[in-house]
N, C-alpha and C. Protein backbone atom coordinates (compact mmCIF):
# COMPACT_ATOMS: atom_id res chain seq x y z
N MET A 1 -13.53 7.30 14.32
CA MET A 1 -12.44 7.73 13.27
C MET A 1 -13.31 9.20 12.78
N GLU A 2 -12.73 10.37 12.91
CA GLU A 2 -13.16 11.40 12.53
C GLU A 2 -12.85 11.80 10.92
N LEU A 3 -13.55 12.69 10.47
CA LEU A 3 -13.29 12.93 8.86
C LEU A 3 -12.03 13.55 8.52
N GLY A 4 -11.41 13.88 9.26
CA GLY A 4 -10.03 14.35 8.98
C GLY A 4 -8.83 13.49 8.83
N SER A 5 -9.09 12.38 9.80
CA SER A 5 -8.05 11.03 9.71
C SER A 5 -8.43 10.41 8.74
N ILE A 6 -9.61 10.49 8.33
CA ILE A 6 -10.09 9.46 7.07
C ILE A 6 -9.48 10.03 5.66
N VAL A 7 -9.55 11.32 5.59
CA VAL A 7 -9.05 12.14 4.48
C VAL A 7 -7.49 11.68 4.43
N VAL A 8 -6.86 11.88 5.61
CA VAL A 8 -5.24 11.73 5.77
C VAL A 8 -5.02 10.19 5.38
N TRP A 9 -5.71 9.13 5.71
CA TRP A 9 -5.60 7.75 5.29
C TRP A 9 -5.71 7.68 3.75
N ILE A 10 -6.77 8.37 3.27
CA ILE A 10 -7.08 8.32 1.65
C ILE A 10 -5.79 8.84 0.97
N ILE A 11 -5.15 9.93 1.38
CA ILE A 11 -4.33 10.56 0.93
C ILE A 11 -2.97 9.81 0.83
N VAL A 12 -2.69 9.33 2.17
CA VAL A 12 -1.31 8.43 2.25
C VAL A 12 -1.63 7.16 1.45
N GLY A 13 -2.76 6.72 1.24
CA GLY A 13 -3.22 5.46 0.47
C GLY A 13 -3.06 5.80 -0.80
N LEU A 14 -3.24 6.91 -1.35
CA LEU A 14 -3.18 7.27 -2.87
C LEU A 14 -1.70 7.37 -2.99
N ILE A 15 -0.86 8.13 -2.29
CA ILE A 15 0.38 8.40 -2.63
C ILE A 15 1.21 6.88 -2.61
N ALA A 16 0.91 6.15 -1.37
CA ALA A 16 1.65 4.72 -1.23
C ALA A 16 1.14 3.94 -2.40
N GLY A 17 -0.08 3.80 -2.38
CA GLY A 17 -0.53 2.83 -3.63
C GLY A 17 0.12 3.25 -5.09
N PHE A 18 0.12 4.60 -5.39
CA PHE A 18 0.60 4.88 -6.76
C PHE A 18 2.08 4.86 -6.86
N LEU A 19 2.70 4.91 -5.67
CA LEU A 19 4.38 4.67 -5.75
C LEU A 19 4.72 3.33 -5.94
N ALA A 20 3.99 2.40 -5.21
CA ALA A 20 4.08 1.14 -5.14
C ALA A 20 3.62 0.55 -6.76
N SER A 21 2.80 0.84 -7.15
CA SER A 21 2.17 0.41 -8.54
C SER A 21 3.26 0.79 -9.48
N LYS A 22 3.77 2.12 -9.28
CA LYS A 22 4.96 2.71 -10.46
C LYS A 22 6.31 1.96 -10.28
N VAL A 23 6.47 1.57 -9.09
CA VAL A 23 7.63 0.80 -8.76
C VAL A 23 7.54 -0.59 -9.66
N LEU A 24 6.60 -1.08 -9.34
CA LEU A 24 6.19 -2.80 -9.71
C LEU A 24 6.07 -2.87 -11.33
N SER A 25 5.02 -1.92 -11.61
CA SER A 25 4.78 -1.94 -13.16
C SER A 25 5.17 -0.91 -14.13
N GLY A 26 5.58 0.15 -13.41
CA GLY A 26 6.07 1.46 -14.41
C GLY A 26 4.76 2.44 -14.70
N HIS A 27 3.77 2.18 -14.01
CA HIS A 27 2.48 3.18 -14.28
C HIS A 27 1.50 2.86 -13.11
N GLY A 28 0.75 3.59 -12.98
CA GLY A 28 -0.34 3.48 -11.84
C GLY A 28 -1.51 2.42 -12.43
N MET A 29 -2.17 1.94 -11.39
CA MET A 29 -3.30 1.06 -11.79
C MET A 29 -4.72 1.78 -11.82
N GLY A 30 -4.63 2.94 -11.43
CA GLY A 30 -5.85 3.87 -11.27
C GLY A 30 -6.29 4.41 -10.18
N LEU A 31 -6.80 5.54 -10.24
CA LEU A 31 -6.82 6.17 -8.63
C LEU A 31 -7.63 5.35 -7.87
N LEU A 32 -8.47 4.64 -8.01
CA LEU A 32 -9.22 3.73 -6.96
C LEU A 32 -8.43 2.70 -6.63
N TRP A 33 -7.73 2.04 -7.48
CA TRP A 33 -7.27 0.80 -7.22
C TRP A 33 -5.76 1.41 -6.41
N ASP A 34 -5.27 2.33 -6.83
CA ASP A 34 -3.90 3.29 -6.07
C ASP A 34 -4.41 3.25 -4.65
N ILE A 35 -5.64 3.81 -4.53
CA ILE A 35 -6.01 4.09 -2.86
C ILE A 35 -6.16 2.94 -2.24
N VAL A 36 -7.03 1.71 -2.86
CA VAL A 36 -7.14 0.62 -2.18
C VAL A 36 -5.90 -0.21 -1.71
N VAL A 37 -5.12 -0.06 -2.81
CA VAL A 37 -3.92 -0.83 -2.52
C VAL A 37 -3.01 -0.28 -1.40
N GLY A 38 -3.04 1.20 -1.44
CA GLY A 38 -2.30 1.83 -0.53
C GLY A 38 -2.78 1.99 1.09
N ILE A 39 -4.14 1.89 1.02
CA ILE A 39 -4.81 1.91 2.32
C ILE A 39 -4.56 0.56 3.20
N LEU A 40 -4.79 -0.57 2.14
CA LEU A 40 -4.51 -1.89 2.68
C LEU A 40 -3.19 -2.30 2.89
N GLY A 41 -2.36 -1.46 2.18
CA GLY A 41 -0.84 -1.76 2.55
C GLY A 41 -0.30 -0.78 3.50
N ALA A 42 -1.10 0.05 3.82
CA ALA A 42 -0.97 0.70 5.42
C ALA A 42 -0.98 0.07 6.35
N PHE A 43 -2.18 -0.78 6.38
CA PHE A 43 -2.57 -1.56 7.37
C PHE A 43 -1.49 -2.77 7.57
N VAL A 44 -1.21 -3.46 6.28
CA VAL A 44 -0.14 -4.42 6.29
C VAL A 44 1.13 -3.83 6.92
N GLY A 45 1.67 -2.62 6.32
CA GLY A 45 2.97 -2.22 6.92
C GLY A 45 2.80 -1.73 8.29
N GLY A 46 1.91 -1.17 8.59
CA GLY A 46 1.90 -0.69 10.23
C GLY A 46 1.84 -1.90 10.99
N TRP A 47 1.07 -3.01 10.65
CA TRP A 47 1.34 -4.20 11.33
C TRP A 47 2.55 -4.85 11.62
N LEU A 48 3.34 -4.80 10.23
CA LEU A 48 4.75 -5.12 10.40
C LEU A 48 5.56 -4.35 11.14
N ALA A 49 5.55 -2.92 11.14
CA ALA A 49 6.22 -2.13 11.88
C ALA A 49 6.14 -2.30 13.17
N SER A 50 4.92 -2.57 13.77
CA SER A 50 4.60 -2.58 14.89
C SER A 50 5.24 -4.05 15.48
N LEU A 51 5.19 -5.06 14.87
CA LEU A 51 5.96 -6.41 14.99
C LEU A 51 7.42 -6.26 15.21
N VAL A 52 8.35 -5.33 14.45
CA VAL A 52 9.70 -5.11 14.85
C VAL A 52 9.81 -3.76 15.47
N GLY A 53 8.96 -3.04 16.26
CA GLY A 53 9.02 -2.16 16.77
C GLY A 53 9.38 -0.78 16.42
N ILE A 54 8.96 -0.30 15.29
CA ILE A 54 9.17 0.64 14.47
C ILE A 54 7.92 1.90 14.85
N SER A 55 8.02 2.96 15.23
CA SER A 55 7.23 3.78 15.55
C SER A 55 6.67 4.75 14.29
N VAL A 56 5.56 4.73 14.11
CA VAL A 56 5.01 5.26 12.78
C VAL A 56 4.35 6.73 13.59
N SER A 57 5.02 7.84 13.77
CA SER A 57 4.59 9.18 14.45
C SER A 57 4.49 10.05 13.31
N ASN A 58 4.94 10.24 12.09
CA ASN A 58 4.76 11.28 11.67
C ASN A 58 4.28 10.65 10.01
N ILE A 59 3.83 11.75 9.35
CA ILE A 59 3.38 11.37 7.96
C ILE A 59 4.36 10.87 7.00
N LEU A 60 5.54 11.40 7.06
CA LEU A 60 6.39 10.58 6.28
C LEU A 60 6.74 9.21 6.55
N MET A 61 6.71 8.87 7.68
CA MET A 61 6.59 7.47 8.07
C MET A 61 5.46 6.62 7.71
N GLN A 62 4.20 7.38 7.85
CA GLN A 62 3.01 6.74 7.39
C GLN A 62 3.38 6.30 5.82
N ILE A 63 3.43 7.16 5.04
CA ILE A 63 3.81 6.94 3.67
C ILE A 63 4.69 5.85 3.48
N ILE A 64 5.68 5.96 4.11
CA ILE A 64 7.11 5.01 4.13
C ILE A 64 6.56 3.61 4.31
N VAL A 65 5.71 3.41 5.39
CA VAL A 65 5.28 2.28 5.97
C VAL A 65 4.00 1.67 5.09
N ALA A 66 3.22 2.50 4.57
CA ALA A 66 2.06 2.37 3.60
C ALA A 66 2.74 1.68 2.27
N PHE A 67 3.87 2.37 1.74
CA PHE A 67 4.47 2.18 0.36
C PHE A 67 5.05 0.48 0.59
N VAL A 68 5.67 0.11 1.81
CA VAL A 68 6.25 -1.13 1.97
C VAL A 68 4.98 -1.95 2.09
N GLY A 69 4.00 -1.79 2.60
CA GLY A 69 3.06 -2.60 2.70
C GLY A 69 2.46 -2.79 1.35
N ALA A 70 2.33 -1.83 0.67
CA ALA A 70 1.40 -1.89 -0.73
C ALA A 70 2.30 -2.46 -1.74
N LEU A 71 3.73 -2.50 -1.39
CA LEU A 71 4.65 -3.33 -2.41
C LEU A 71 4.56 -4.76 -2.18
N ILE A 72 4.27 -4.99 -0.87
CA ILE A 72 4.23 -6.46 -0.47
C ILE A 72 2.86 -7.08 -0.76
N LEU A 73 1.82 -6.41 -0.80
CA LEU A 73 0.61 -6.77 -1.02
C LEU A 73 0.56 -6.95 -2.83
N LEU A 74 1.09 -5.82 -3.55
CA LEU A 74 1.07 -6.00 -5.13
C LEU A 74 2.02 -7.27 -5.36
N PHE A 75 3.21 -7.44 -4.92
CA PHE A 75 3.91 -8.78 -5.02
C PHE A 75 3.20 -9.97 -5.08
N ILE A 76 2.59 -9.80 -3.71
CA ILE A 76 1.73 -11.28 -3.48
C ILE A 76 0.80 -11.32 -4.68
N PHE A 77 -0.07 -10.42 -4.99
CA PHE A 77 -1.14 -10.24 -5.65
C PHE A 77 -0.74 -10.81 -7.05
N ARG A 78 0.42 -10.20 -7.51
CA ARG A 78 1.23 -10.53 -9.05
C ARG A 78 1.59 -12.06 -9.22
N ALA A 79 2.27 -12.43 -8.12
CA ALA A 79 2.29 -13.87 -7.99
C ALA A 79 1.30 -14.77 -8.05
N VAL A 80 0.43 -14.32 -7.27
CA VAL A 80 -0.79 -15.39 -7.22
C VAL A 80 -1.55 -15.13 -8.83
N ALA A 81 -1.88 -14.05 -9.27
CA ALA A 81 -2.59 -13.98 -10.33
C ALA A 81 -1.69 -14.42 -11.45
N GLY A 82 -0.40 -14.28 -11.58
CA GLY A 82 0.21 -14.85 -12.71
C GLY A 82 0.31 -16.27 -12.72
N ARG A 83 0.42 -16.90 -11.59
CA ARG A 83 0.24 -18.37 -11.65
C ARG A 83 -1.19 -18.73 -12.28
N GLY A 84 -2.20 -17.99 -11.99
CA GLY A 84 -3.41 -18.46 -12.48
C GLY A 84 -3.54 -18.34 -13.86
N ARG A 85 -3.03 -17.17 -14.54
CA ARG A 85 -3.09 -17.02 -15.96
C ARG A 85 -2.10 -18.19 -16.72
N MET A 86 -1.07 -18.51 -16.08
CA MET A 86 -0.20 -19.64 -16.67
C MET A 86 -0.86 -20.77 -16.84
N ARG A 87 -1.54 -21.27 -15.84
CA ARG A 87 -2.59 -22.50 -15.82
C ARG A 87 -3.51 -22.70 -17.11
N ALA A 88 -4.34 -21.55 -17.32
CA ALA A 88 -5.25 -21.49 -18.20
C ALA A 88 -5.02 -21.55 -19.67
């Protein structure tokens, strides 16, 4: 993987993670966590897109797919973390 594509993944991850955290909580989680959630979300979203046959060929589709994946990850994380806090 070349440096240019890594930078693109980081930018896409930042945008997708920030948007997903804003949608679910109303505020971002911080630059680092927004990037991490967005990049992981991009992998989840890309995997799901390939399962249903959606082509991710441009930057807008990459951001949308990463956003959807980040939303899924945040939803699962909050469901698991929320249950743990309720038991304590």
